[in-house]
Amino acid sequence: MIGIKKIFPLALLLSSALSHAQYTDQINSNRPGESMGGFSVGKTVMQVETGIYGIKEKHDVLNNKTKGLGLDLTLRYGAFLEQLEFIVDVQYQFDQFKDAIYTTNRNDFKQFTIGAKYLIYDPNKNYKPEVNIYSWKANHKFKWHSILPAVSVYAGANIIGKNNPYSFPEDGLSPKVMVITHNRFGNIVWVNNIIADKVTTDYPSYGLISTLTRAFSAKWSGFVEVQGYKSDFYSDGIFRLGAAHLLNDNMQLDASISTNFKDTPSILYGGVGFSWRFDADYRDILLPGDSDLEKGMNEKQKKDKKNKEKEDKKRLDDVSPEGE
């Protein structure tokens, strides 16, 4: 009961703050899944998400095998607007490919994408639910508003060099676009990515990634993810699961394992990773749409507002789950 009494008012205060800014008190990493969340890291914030993975593939029809290692690196930076984020996504792989006759050692960029993401709709912006300070149950009943997702759009470019062993020769420079939906239900986050990739090439790819993440404690979270993509070059469905551990507000460790649903080829790979946020230059920013009164507050008004918030918090601390 004591834990709920402390967490409940804090959650209310945080939900109000998040409606004005993308920045969160703790790091918000896209790892260890492959989906991209709807919210940016925050203006002036730089975030590095990196990891190493091992991969094993076997094609039963063509009778070939692949074993290798790869490096992931994602750089995220919030600039110009609180809702805007620039992203560099790189994957470099070293492997050994064997068929019935030859053994080939390969290494090259499996992915090199530069793009930007913009939040176009946040259902919690300017949303101010009424708080019943006498009833814990009334404040935690289901609200239809919670099913509305935040929506972002992403546009980027794939940059692949010539003679790349992981792509077809005509790949080169090609676009990648995505629509992202982001829901939060208590300690569960549901993210969906709808993707159109390499649409100007001879082998466009269309896909969907759906990720469910659940927080088990203040430090631990787990996720399950399903990814499907279809192309004349390659189509597949992949299942992933993993966990993340928060080291501190700006650092996270993670691990995951993935497999697919077919044997042409069968795929098994697992990896570990690390995310690090640099937020020393961040300042809380009010987004367009915040009240003119709040923007124009003098120091005395701001102080009075803080005192009122402290009084409200104290009253909420006295509200138990039974509404006492």
C-alpha atoms as a PDB file:
ATOM      1  CA  MET A   1       0.000   0.000   0.000  1.00  0.00           C
ATOM      2  CA  ILE A   2       2.827   2.395   0.862  1.00  0.00           C
ATOM      3  CA  GLY A   3       4.494   1.795  -2.502  1.00  0.00           C
ATOM      4  CA  ILE A   4       1.290   2.498  -4.401  1.00  0.00           C
ATOM      5  CA  LYS A   5       0.640   5.647  -2.376  1.00  0.00           C
ATOM      6  CA  LYS A   6       4.069   6.979  -3.332  1.00  0.00           C
ATOM      7  CA  ILE A   7       4.053   5.907  -6.984  1.00  0.00           C
ATOM      8  CA  PHE A   8       0.518   7.106  -7.779  1.00  0.00           C
ATOM      9  CA  PRO A   9       1.041  10.882  -7.327  1.00  0.00           C
ATOM     10  CA  LEU A  10       4.448  10.646  -8.984  1.00  0.00           C
ATOM     11  CA  ALA A  11       2.904   8.998 -12.041  1.00  0.00           C
ATOM     12  CA  LEU A  12       0.330  11.791 -12.263  1.00  0.00           C
ATOM     13  CA  LEU A  13       3.028  14.447 -12.175  1.00  0.00           C
ATOM     14  CA  LEU A  14       5.137  12.625 -14.765  1.00  0.00           C
ATOM     15  CA  SER A  15       2.198  12.124 -17.123  1.00  0.00           C
ATOM     16  CA  SER A  16       1.622  15.873 -17.040  1.00  0.00           C
ATOM     17  CA  ALA A  17       5.279  16.616 -17.793  1.00  0.00           C
ATOM     18  CA  LEU A  18       5.471  14.097 -20.636  1.00  0.00           C
ATOM     19  CA  SER A  19       2.579  15.779 -22.394  1.00  0.00           C
ATOM     20  CA  HIS A  20       4.876  18.780 -22.970  1.00  0.00           C
ATOM     21  CA  ALA A  21       8.202  17.101 -23.774  1.00  0.00           C
ATOM     22  CA  GLN A  22       9.732  14.056 -25.429  1.00  0.00           C
ATOM     23  CA  TYR A  23      12.534  13.824 -22.874  1.00  0.00           C
ATOM     24  CA  THR A  24      11.992  11.337 -20.049  1.00  0.00           C
ATOM     25  CA  ASP A  25      13.666  11.059 -16.642  1.00  0.00           C
ATOM     26  CA  GLN A  26      15.171   7.710 -17.674  1.00  0.00           C
ATOM     27  CA  ILE A  27      16.755   6.661 -20.966  1.00  0.00           C
ATOM     28  CA  ASN A  28      14.295   5.609 -23.672  1.00  0.00           C
ATOM     29  CA  SER A  29      16.155   3.113 -25.890  1.00  0.00           C
ATOM     30  CA  ASN A  30      14.890   1.239 -28.953  1.00  0.00           C
ATOM     31  CA  ARG A  31      17.091  -1.717 -28.019  1.00  0.00           C
ATOM     32  CA  PRO A  32      17.034  -4.665 -27.859  1.00  0.00           C
ATOM     33  CA  GLY A  33      14.158  -4.960 -30.362  1.00  0.00           C
ATOM     34  CA  GLU A  34      14.199  -3.892 -33.991  1.00  0.00           C
ATOM     35  CA  SER A  35      11.215  -1.541 -33.819  1.00  0.00           C
ATOM     36  CA  MET A  36      11.485   2.226 -33.475  1.00  0.00           C
ATOM     37  CA  GLY A  37       9.555   4.006 -30.715  1.00  0.00           C
ATOM     38  CA  GLY A  38       7.332   6.974 -31.439  1.00  0.00           C
ATOM     39  CA  PHE A  39       9.027   9.543 -29.193  1.00  0.00           C
ATOM     40  CA  SER A  40      12.306  11.376 -29.699  1.00  0.00           C
ATOM     41  CA  VAL A  41      15.165  11.602 -27.207  1.00  0.00           C
ATOM     42  CA  GLY A  42      14.556  15.343 -26.664  1.00  0.00           C
ATOM     43  CA  LYS A  43      16.057  18.488 -28.137  1.00  0.00           C
ATOM     44  CA  THR A  44      19.893  18.717 -27.768  1.00  0.00           C
ATOM     45  CA  VAL A  45      20.040  15.128 -26.445  1.00  0.00           C
ATOM     46  CA  MET A  46      22.440  12.618 -28.049  1.00  0.00           C
ATOM     47  CA  GLN A  47      21.939   8.884 -27.583  1.00  0.00           C
ATOM     48  CA  VAL A  48      24.168   5.962 -28.602  1.00  0.00           C
ATOM     49  CA  GLU A  49      22.678   2.462 -28.891  1.00  0.00           C
ATOM     50  CA  THR A  50      25.156  -0.258 -29.805  1.00  0.00           C
ATOM     51  CA  GLY A  51      25.672  -3.995 -29.545  1.00  0.00           C
ATOM     52  CA  ILE A  52      27.259  -7.153 -30.871  1.00  0.00           C
ATOM     53  CA  TYR A  53      25.415 -10.189 -32.224  1.00  0.00           C
ATOM     54  CA  GLY A  54      26.155 -13.687 -33.464  1.00  0.00           C
ATOM     55  CA  ILE A  55      24.262 -15.240 -36.369  1.00  0.00           C
ATOM     56  CA  LYS A  56      23.762 -18.756 -37.710  1.00  0.00           C
ATOM     57  CA  GLU A  57      21.881 -19.544 -40.924  1.00  0.00           C
ATOM     58  CA  LYS A  58      21.192 -22.809 -42.765  1.00  0.00           C
ATOM     59  CA  HIS A  59      19.409 -23.228 -46.100  1.00  0.00           C
ATOM     60  CA  ASP A  60      18.074 -26.786 -46.453  1.00  0.00           C
ATOM     61  CA  VAL A  61      17.211 -26.472 -50.162  1.00  0.00           C
ATOM     62  CA  LEU A  62      20.374 -24.741 -51.432  1.00  0.00           C
ATOM     63  CA  ASN A  63      22.540 -26.640 -48.923  1.00  0.00           C
ATOM     64  CA  ASN A  64      24.518 -23.656 -47.630  1.00  0.00           C
ATOM     65  CA  LYS A  65      25.427 -22.355 -44.180  1.00  0.00           C
ATOM     66  CA  THR A  66      26.453 -19.016 -42.729  1.00  0.00           C
ATOM     67  CA  LYS A  67      28.076 -18.257 -39.375  1.00  0.00           C
ATOM     68  CA  GLY A  68      29.310 -14.897 -38.222  1.00  0.00           C
ATOM     69  CA  LEU A  69      29.323 -11.852 -35.981  1.00  0.00           C
ATOM     70  CA  GLY A  70      27.943  -8.378 -36.425  1.00  0.00           C
ATOM     71  CA  LEU A  71      28.054  -4.918 -34.887  1.00  0.00           C
ATOM     72  CA  ASP A  72      25.039  -2.642 -34.423  1.00  0.00           C
ATOM     73  CA  LEU A  73      25.277   1.119 -33.964  1.00  0.00           C
ATOM     74  CA  THR A  74      22.433   3.634 -33.790  1.00  0.00           C
ATOM     75  CA  LEU A  75      23.023   7.350 -33.199  1.00  0.00           C
ATOM     76  CA  ARG A  76      19.999   9.456 -32.220  1.00  0.00           C
ATOM     77  CA  TYR A  77      19.994  13.232 -31.844  1.00  0.00           C
ATOM     78  CA  GLY A  78      17.146  15.623 -31.083  1.00  0.00           C
ATOM     79  CA  ALA A  79      17.427  18.952 -32.881  1.00  0.00           C
ATOM     80  CA  PHE A  80      15.432  22.059 -33.881  1.00  0.00           C
ATOM     81  CA  LEU A  81      12.136  20.804 -32.419  1.00  0.00           C
ATOM     82  CA  GLU A  82      11.323  18.710 -29.363  1.00  0.00           C
ATOM     83  CA  GLN A  83       9.364  16.297 -31.570  1.00  0.00           C
ATOM     84  CA  LEU A  84      12.151  15.880 -34.168  1.00  0.00           C
ATOM     85  CA  GLU A  85      14.937  13.308 -34.062  1.00  0.00           C
ATOM     86  CA  PHE A  86      17.731  12.499 -36.520  1.00  0.00           C
ATOM     87  CA  ILE A  87      18.903   8.885 -36.720  1.00  0.00           C
ATOM     88  CA  VAL A  88      21.906   7.060 -38.175  1.00  0.00           C
ATOM     89  CA  ASP A  89      21.460   3.269 -38.187  1.00  0.00           C
ATOM     90  CA  VAL A  90      24.454   1.088 -39.066  1.00  0.00           C
ATOM     91  CA  GLN A  91      24.976  -2.687 -39.082  1.00  0.00           C
ATOM     92  CA  TYR A  92      28.298  -4.244 -40.118  1.00  0.00           C
ATOM     93  CA  GLN A  93      28.661  -8.040 -40.414  1.00  0.00           C
ATOM     94  CA  PHE A  94      31.582 -10.483 -40.611  1.00  0.00           C
ATOM     95  CA  ASP A  95      30.687 -14.044 -41.610  1.00  0.00           C
ATOM     96  CA  GLN A  96      31.724 -17.233 -43.379  1.00  0.00           C
ATOM     97  CA  PHE A  97      29.467 -18.564 -46.132  1.00  0.00           C
ATOM     98  CA  LYS A  98      29.742 -22.251 -47.105  1.00  0.00           C
ATOM     99  CA  ASP A  99      28.014 -24.158 -49.872  1.00  0.00           C
ATOM    100  CA  ALA A 100      28.686 -27.585 -51.370  1.00  0.00           C
ATOM    101  CA  ILE A 101      31.766 -26.320 -53.246  1.00  0.00           C
ATOM    102  CA  TYR A 102      33.108 -23.037 -51.887  1.00  0.00           C
ATOM    103  CA  THR A 103      33.832 -21.305 -48.587  1.00  0.00           C
ATOM    104  CA  THR A 104      33.706 -17.508 -48.697  1.00  0.00           C
ATOM    105  CA  ASN A 105      34.656 -15.029 -46.001  1.00  0.00           C
ATOM    106  CA  ARG A 106      32.527 -11.898 -46.225  1.00  0.00           C
ATOM    107  CA  ASN A 107      32.296  -8.541 -44.451  1.00  0.00           C
ATOM    108  CA  ASP A 108      30.413  -5.365 -45.321  1.00  0.00           C
ATOM    109  CA  PHE A 109      27.619  -3.048 -44.244  1.00  0.00           C
ATOM    110  CA  LYS A 110      24.422  -5.026 -43.952  1.00  0.00           C
ATOM    111  CA  GLN A 111      22.595  -1.767 -43.263  1.00  0.00           C
ATOM    112  CA  PHE A 112      23.478   1.919 -43.445  1.00  0.00           C
ATOM    113  CA  THR A 113      20.487   4.233 -43.100  1.00  0.00           C
ATOM    114  CA  ILE A 114      20.250   7.958 -42.365  1.00  0.00           C
ATOM    115  CA  GLY A 115      16.869   9.487 -41.583  1.00  0.00           C
ATOM    116  CA  ALA A 116      14.625  11.580 -39.362  1.00  0.00           C
ATOM    117  CA  LYS A 117      11.548  10.912 -37.227  1.00  0.00           C
ATOM    118  CA  TYR A 118       8.819  13.398 -36.321  1.00  0.00           C
ATOM    119  CA  LEU A 119       5.970  13.032 -33.835  1.00  0.00           C
ATOM    120  CA  ILE A 120       2.786  14.223 -35.568  1.00  0.00           C
ATOM    121  CA  TYR A 121       0.254  13.283 -32.864  1.00  0.00           C
ATOM    122  CA  ASP A 122       0.492  12.869 -29.094  1.00  0.00           C
ATOM    123  CA  PRO A 123      -2.841  11.915 -27.469  1.00  0.00           C
ATOM    124  CA  ASN A 124      -1.631  13.129 -24.059  1.00  0.00           C
ATOM    125  CA  LYS A 125      -0.728  16.636 -25.166  1.00  0.00           C
ATOM    126  CA  ASN A 126      -3.141  19.065 -23.492  1.00  0.00           C
ATOM    127  CA  TYR A 127      -5.046  16.061 -22.064  1.00  0.00           C
ATOM    128  CA  LYS A 128      -5.854  16.783 -18.413  1.00  0.00           C
ATOM    129  CA  PRO A 129      -7.859  13.974 -16.803  1.00  0.00           C
ATOM    130  CA  GLU A 130      -9.717  14.801 -13.621  1.00  0.00           C
ATOM    131  CA  VAL A 131      -8.116  13.353 -10.497  1.00  0.00           C
ATOM    132  CA  ASN A 132     -10.337  11.998  -7.746  1.00  0.00           C
ATOM    133  CA  ILE A 133      -8.274  12.426  -4.593  1.00  0.00           C
ATOM    134  CA  TYR A 134     -10.759  10.303  -2.609  1.00  0.00           C
ATOM    135  CA  SER A 135     -10.781   7.168  -4.787  1.00  0.00           C
ATOM    136  CA  TRP A 136      -7.830   5.107  -5.987  1.00  0.00           C
ATOM    137  CA  LYS A 137     -10.226   2.880  -7.943  1.00  0.00           C
ATOM    138  CA  ALA A 138     -11.799   5.789  -9.832  1.00  0.00           C
ATOM    139  CA  ASN A 139      -8.394   7.020 -10.970  1.00  0.00           C
ATOM    140  CA  HIS A 140      -7.355   3.565 -12.212  1.00  0.00           C
ATOM    141  CA  LYS A 141     -10.464   2.463 -14.069  1.00  0.00           C
ATOM    142  CA  PHE A 142     -10.193   1.909 -17.819  1.00  0.00           C
ATOM    143  CA  LYS A 143     -10.334   5.065 -19.934  1.00  0.00           C
ATOM    144  CA  TRP A 144     -11.076   4.898 -23.659  1.00  0.00           C
ATOM    145  CA  HIS A 145      -8.571   7.690 -24.177  1.00  0.00           C
ATOM    146  CA  SER A 146      -5.759   5.241 -23.367  1.00  0.00           C
ATOM    147  CA  ILE A 147      -6.272   3.287 -26.611  1.00  0.00           C
ATOM    148  CA  LEU A 148      -5.300   6.317 -28.725  1.00  0.00           C
ATOM    149  CA  PRO A 149      -1.688   5.859 -29.919  1.00  0.00           C
ATOM    150  CA  ALA A 150       0.981   8.460 -30.403  1.00  0.00           C
ATOM    151  CA  VAL A 151       1.813   8.589 -34.122  1.00  0.00           C
ATOM    152  CA  SER A 152       5.151   9.415 -35.739  1.00  0.00           C
ATOM    153  CA  VAL A 153       6.496   9.331 -39.284  1.00  0.00           C
ATOM    154  CA  TYR A 154      10.014   8.408 -40.393  1.00  0.00           C
ATOM    155  CA  ALA A 155      11.809   9.053 -43.691  1.00  0.00           C
ATOM    156  CA  GLY A 156      15.340   8.029 -44.532  1.00  0.00           C
ATOM    157  CA  ALA A 157      17.760   6.777 -47.150  1.00  0.00           C
ATOM    158  CA  ASN A 158      19.580   3.445 -47.454  1.00  0.00           C
ATOM    159  CA  ILE A 159      23.193   3.858 -48.535  1.00  0.00           C
ATOM    160  CA  ILE A 160      24.701   0.617 -49.837  1.00  0.00           C
ATOM    161  CA  GLY A 161      27.999   0.429 -51.749  1.00  0.00           C
ATOM    162  CA  LYS A 162      28.664  -1.605 -54.868  1.00  0.00           C
ATOM    163  CA  ASN A 163      29.447  -5.333 -54.703  1.00  0.00           C
ATOM    164  CA  ASN A 164      27.802  -5.667 -51.297  1.00  0.00           C
ATOM    165  CA  PRO A 165      27.365  -9.412 -50.531  1.00  0.00           C
ATOM    166  CA  TYR A 166      24.209  -8.781 -48.453  1.00  0.00           C
ATOM    167  CA  SER A 167      22.146  -6.980 -51.106  1.00  0.00           C
ATOM    168  CA  PHE A 168      21.373  -7.119 -54.798  1.00  0.00           C
ATOM    169  CA  PRO A 169      23.584  -5.089 -57.194  1.00  0.00           C
ATOM    170  CA  GLU A 170      20.970  -2.451 -58.056  1.00  0.00           C
ATOM    171  CA  ASP A 171      20.326  -1.521 -54.442  1.00  0.00           C
ATOM    172  CA  GLY A 172      22.553   1.565 -54.068  1.00  0.00           C
ATOM    173  CA  LEU A 173      20.738   4.635 -52.728  1.00  0.00           C
ATOM    174  CA  SER A 174      17.072   4.008 -51.932  1.00  0.00           C
ATOM    175  CA  PRO A 175      14.354   5.466 -49.672  1.00  0.00           C
ATOM    176  CA  LYS A 176      12.869   4.047 -46.488  1.00  0.00           C
ATOM    177  CA  VAL A 177       9.624   5.358 -44.972  1.00  0.00           C
ATOM    178  CA  MET A 178       7.717   4.295 -41.892  1.00  0.00           C
ATOM    179  CA  VAL A 179       4.599   5.014 -39.850  1.00  0.00           C
ATOM    180  CA  ILE A 180       5.005   4.416 -36.104  1.00  0.00           C
ATOM    181  CA  THR A 181       2.264   3.942 -33.496  1.00  0.00           C
ATOM    182  CA  HIS A 182       3.097   3.983 -29.786  1.00  0.00           C
ATOM    183  CA  ASN A 183       0.671   2.970 -26.999  1.00  0.00           C
ATOM    184  CA  ARG A 184       1.201   2.829 -23.262  1.00  0.00           C
ATOM    185  CA  PHE A 185      -1.048   0.836 -20.937  1.00  0.00           C
ATOM    186  CA  GLY A 186       0.338   1.228 -17.414  1.00  0.00           C
ATOM    187  CA  ASN A 187       3.647  -0.654 -17.340  1.00  0.00           C
ATOM    188  CA  ILE A 188       3.145  -2.100 -20.851  1.00  0.00           C
ATOM    189  CA  VAL A 189       4.232  -0.342 -24.048  1.00  0.00           C
ATOM    190  CA  TRP A 190       3.040  -1.474 -27.488  1.00  0.00           C
ATOM    191  CA  VAL A 191       4.887  -0.194 -30.561  1.00  0.00           C
ATOM    192  CA  ASN A 192       4.078  -0.891 -34.208  1.00  0.00           C
ATOM    193  CA  ASN A 193       6.186   0.001 -37.255  1.00  0.00           C
ATOM    194  CA  ILE A 194       4.659  -0.133 -40.743  1.00  0.00           C
ATOM    195  CA  ILE A 195       7.548  -0.039 -43.211  1.00  0.00           C
ATOM    196  CA  ALA A 196       8.060   0.532 -46.940  1.00  0.00           C
ATOM    197  CA  ASP A 197      11.730   0.008 -47.814  1.00  0.00           C
ATOM    198  CA  LYS A 198      13.753   0.351 -51.038  1.00  0.00           C
ATOM    199  CA  VAL A 199      10.566   1.245 -52.902  1.00  0.00           C
ATOM    200  CA  THR A 200      12.392   2.738 -55.906  1.00  0.00           C
ATOM    201  CA  THR A 201      14.432  -0.420 -56.584  1.00  0.00           C
ATOM    202  CA  ASP A 202      13.553  -3.626 -58.443  1.00  0.00           C
ATOM    203  CA  TYR A 203      12.916  -5.375 -55.115  1.00  0.00           C
ATOM    204  CA  PRO A 204      10.849  -3.157 -52.793  1.00  0.00           C
ATOM    205  CA  SER A 205      10.193  -4.549 -49.326  1.00  0.00           C
ATOM    206  CA  TYR A 206       7.111  -4.048 -47.151  1.00  0.00           C
ATOM    207  CA  GLY A 207       6.988  -5.036 -43.504  1.00  0.00           C
ATOM    208  CA  LEU A 208       5.505  -4.776 -40.035  1.00  0.00           C
ATOM    209  CA  ILE A 209       7.199  -4.923 -36.623  1.00  0.00           C
ATOM    210  CA  SER A 210       5.053  -5.258 -33.502  1.00  0.00           C
ATOM    211  CA  THR A 211       6.704  -5.045 -30.065  1.00  0.00           C
ATOM    212  CA  LEU A 212       5.270  -5.493 -26.569  1.00  0.00           C
ATOM    213  CA  THR A 213       7.498  -4.323 -23.707  1.00  0.00           C
ATOM    214  CA  ARG A 214       6.666  -4.789 -20.031  1.00  0.00           C
ATOM    215  CA  ALA A 215       8.407  -3.256 -17.025  1.00  0.00           C
ATOM    216  CA  PHE A 216       8.787  -5.785 -14.200  1.00  0.00           C
ATOM    217  CA  SER A 217      10.507  -3.397 -11.786  1.00  0.00           C
ATOM    218  CA  ALA A 218      12.278  -0.055 -11.739  1.00  0.00           C
ATOM    219  CA  LYS A 219      15.377  -1.719 -13.230  1.00  0.00           C
ATOM    220  CA  TRP A 220      14.147  -4.645 -15.356  1.00  0.00           C
ATOM    221  CA  SER A 221      11.952  -4.942 -18.439  1.00  0.00           C
ATOM    222  CA  GLY A 222      11.264  -7.654 -21.011  1.00  0.00           C
ATOM    223  CA  PHE A 223       9.918  -7.686 -24.545  1.00  0.00           C
ATOM    224  CA  VAL A 224       8.451  -9.947 -27.232  1.00  0.00           C
ATOM    225  CA  GLU A 225       8.467  -8.942 -30.878  1.00  0.00           C
ATOM    226  CA  VAL A 226       7.182 -10.240 -34.192  1.00  0.00           C
ATOM    227  CA  GLN A 227       8.555  -8.981 -37.497  1.00  0.00           C
ATOM    228  CA  GLY A 228       7.329  -9.838 -40.971  1.00  0.00           C
ATOM    229  CA  TYR A 229       8.544  -8.514 -44.300  1.00  0.00           C
ATOM    230  CA  LYS A 230       7.782  -9.406 -47.891  1.00  0.00           C
ATOM    231  CA  SER A 231       9.855  -8.837 -51.009  1.00  0.00           C
ATOM    232  CA  ASP A 232      10.601 -10.639 -54.273  1.00  0.00           C
ATOM    233  CA  PHE A 233      14.220 -10.661 -53.094  1.00  0.00           C
ATOM    234  CA  TYR A 234      13.568 -12.113 -49.621  1.00  0.00           C
ATOM    235  CA  SER A 235      10.555 -12.635 -47.346  1.00  0.00           C
ATOM    236  CA  ASP A 236      10.454 -13.938 -43.798  1.00  0.00           C
ATOM    237  CA  GLY A 237       8.852 -13.822 -40.369  1.00  0.00           C
ATOM    238  CA  ILE A 238      10.982 -13.431 -37.245  1.00  0.00           C
ATOM    239  CA  PHE A 239      10.207 -13.827 -33.538  1.00  0.00           C
ATOM    240  CA  ARG A 240      12.325 -12.113 -30.858  1.00  0.00           C
ATOM    241  CA  LEU A 241      12.432 -11.915 -27.105  1.00  0.00           C
ATOM    242  CA  GLY A 242      14.797 -10.341 -24.641  1.00  0.00           C
ATOM    243  CA  ALA A 243      15.323  -8.181 -21.583  1.00  0.00           C
ATOM    244  CA  ALA A 244      16.892  -4.871 -20.559  1.00  0.00           C
ATOM    245  CA  HIS A 245      18.471  -3.728 -17.312  1.00  0.00           C
ATOM    246  CA  LEU A 246      18.689  -0.059 -16.313  1.00  0.00           C
ATOM    247  CA  LEU A 247      22.115   0.738 -14.846  1.00  0.00           C
ATOM    248  CA  ASN A 248      21.194   4.362 -14.105  1.00  0.00           C
ATOM    249  CA  ASP A 249      19.012   7.061 -15.621  1.00  0.00           C
ATOM    250  CA  ASN A 250      21.279   7.354 -18.680  1.00  0.00           C
ATOM    251  CA  MET A 251      22.631   3.810 -19.224  1.00  0.00           C
ATOM    252  CA  GLN A 252      21.023   0.490 -20.138  1.00  0.00           C
ATOM    253  CA  LEU A 253      22.226  -3.065 -20.819  1.00  0.00           C
ATOM    254  CA  ASP A 254      20.214  -5.535 -22.915  1.00  0.00           C
ATOM    255  CA  ALA A 255      20.189  -9.035 -24.391  1.00  0.00           C
ATOM    256  CA  SER A 256      17.978 -10.757 -26.961  1.00  0.00           C
ATOM    257  CA  ILE A 257      17.552 -13.863 -29.107  1.00  0.00           C
ATOM    258  CA  SER A 258      15.779 -14.252 -32.460  1.00  0.00           C
ATOM    259  CA  THR A 259      14.606 -17.014 -34.747  1.00  0.00           C
ATOM    260  CA  ASN A 260      12.445 -17.311 -37.847  1.00  0.00           C
ATOM    261  CA  PHE A 261       9.602 -19.549 -39.022  1.00  0.00           C
ATOM    262  CA  LYS A 262      11.113 -21.335 -42.035  1.00  0.00           C
ATOM    263  CA  ASP A 263      14.174 -23.321 -43.149  1.00  0.00           C
ATOM    264  CA  THR A 264      14.970 -21.566 -46.427  1.00  0.00           C
ATOM    265  CA  PRO A 265      17.021 -20.405 -44.609  1.00  0.00           C
ATOM    266  CA  SER A 266      16.566 -21.048 -40.898  1.00  0.00           C
ATOM    267  CA  ILE A 267      17.961 -18.214 -38.788  1.00  0.00           C
ATOM    268  CA  LEU A 268      19.136 -18.095 -35.191  1.00  0.00           C
ATOM    269  CA  TYR A 269      20.923 -15.139 -33.700  1.00  0.00           C
ATOM    270  CA  GLY A 270      21.440 -13.525 -30.337  1.00  0.00           C
ATOM    271  CA  GLY A 271      23.131 -10.429 -29.052  1.00  0.00           C
ATOM    272  CA  VAL A 272      23.951  -8.109 -26.185  1.00  0.00           C
ATOM    273  CA  GLY A 273      23.957  -4.339 -26.223  1.00  0.00           C
ATOM    274  CA  PHE A 274      24.434  -1.070 -24.420  1.00  0.00           C
ATOM    275  CA  SER A 275      22.640   2.297 -24.625  1.00  0.00           C
ATOM    276  CA  TRP A 276      24.036   5.589 -23.354  1.00  0.00           C
ATOM    277  CA  ARG A 277      22.337   9.000 -23.258  1.00  0.00           C
ATOM    278  CA  PHE A 278      24.168  12.369 -23.186  1.00  0.00           C
ATOM    279  CA  ASP A 279      21.746  14.967 -21.863  1.00  0.00           C
ATOM    280  CA  ALA A 280      23.946  17.591 -20.190  1.00  0.00           C
ATOM    281  CA  ASP A 281      22.713  20.347 -22.544  1.00  0.00           C
ATOM    282  CA  TYR A 282      19.022  19.514 -22.233  1.00  0.00           C
ATOM    283  CA  ARG A 283      16.640  22.163 -20.933  1.00  0.00           C
ATOM    284  CA  ASP A 284      12.945  21.506 -20.384  1.00  0.00           C
ATOM    285  CA  ILE A 285      11.081  22.875 -23.394  1.00  0.00           C
ATOM    286  CA  LEU A 286       7.414  23.798 -23.645  1.00  0.00           C
ATOM    287  CA  LEU A 287       5.879  22.681 -26.917  1.00  0.00           C
ATOM    288  CA  PRO A 288       3.564  24.823 -29.062  1.00  0.00           C
ATOM    289  CA  GLY A 289       0.101  24.731 -27.527  1.00  0.00           C
ATOM    290  CA  ASP A 290       1.138  25.211 -23.885  1.00  0.00           C
ATOM    291  CA  SER A 291      -0.846  27.904 -22.114  1.00  0.00           C
ATOM    292  CA  ASP A 292       0.313  31.506 -22.491  1.00  0.00           C
ATOM    293  CA  LEU A 293      -0.116  31.925 -18.730  1.00  0.00           C
ATOM    294  CA  GLU A 294       2.458  29.203 -18.016  1.00  0.00           C
ATOM    295  CA  LYS A 295       4.887  30.586 -20.616  1.00  0.00           C
ATOM    296  CA  GLY A 296       4.691  34.098 -19.174  1.00  0.00           C
ATOM    297  CA  MET A 297       5.039  33.261 -15.493  1.00  0.00           C
ATOM    298  CA  ASN A 298       7.365  35.394 -13.399  1.00  0.00           C
ATOM    299  CA  GLU A 299       9.531  33.884 -10.673  1.00  0.00           C
ATOM    300  CA  LYS A 300       6.949  34.448  -7.918  1.00  0.00           C
ATOM    301  CA  GLN A 301       4.190  32.783  -9.996  1.00  0.00           C
ATOM    302  CA  LYS A 302       6.441  29.821 -10.735  1.00  0.00           C
ATOM    303  CA  LYS A 303       7.239  29.484  -7.022  1.00  0.00           C
ATOM    304  CA  ASP A 304       3.541  29.626  -6.099  1.00  0.00           C
ATOM    305  CA  LYS A 305       2.800  26.986  -8.728  1.00  0.00           C
ATOM    306  CA  LYS A 306       5.483  24.668  -7.301  1.00  0.00           C
ATOM    307  CA  ASN A 307       4.126  25.129  -3.769  1.00  0.00           C
ATOM    308  CA  LYS A 308       0.629  24.261  -4.980  1.00  0.00           C
ATOM    309  CA  GLU A 309       1.958  21.118  -6.702  1.00  0.00           C
ATOM    310  CA  LYS A 310       3.650  20.111  -3.422  1.00  0.00           C
ATOM    311  CA  GLU A 311       0.375  20.572  -1.538  1.00  0.00           C
ATOM    312  CA  ASP A 312      -1.513  18.514  -4.152  1.00  0.00           C
ATOM    313  CA  LYS A 313       1.123  15.787  -3.933  1.00  0.00           C
ATOM    314  CA  LYS A 314       0.863  15.722  -0.132  1.00  0.00           C
ATOM    315  CA  ARG A 315      -2.913  15.259  -0.359  1.00  0.00           C
ATOM    316  CA  LEU A 316      -2.492  12.461  -2.910  1.00  0.00           C
ATOM    317  CA  ASP A 317       0.026  10.732  -0.626  1.00  0.00           C
ATOM    318  CA  ASP A 318      -2.803  10.383   1.872  1.00  0.00           C
ATOM    319  CA  VAL A 319      -5.063   8.551  -0.608  1.00  0.00           C
ATOM    320  CA  SER A 320      -4.931   4.774  -0.208  1.00  0.00           C
ATOM    321  CA  PRO A 321      -6.074   2.188  -2.796  1.00  0.00           C
ATOM    322  CA  GLU A 322      -9.250   1.770  -0.719  1.00  0.00           C
ATOM    323  CA  GLY A 323      -9.968   5.508  -1.006  1.00  0.00           C
ATOM    324  CA  GLU A 324      -9.375   6.280   2.663  1.00  0.00           C
END
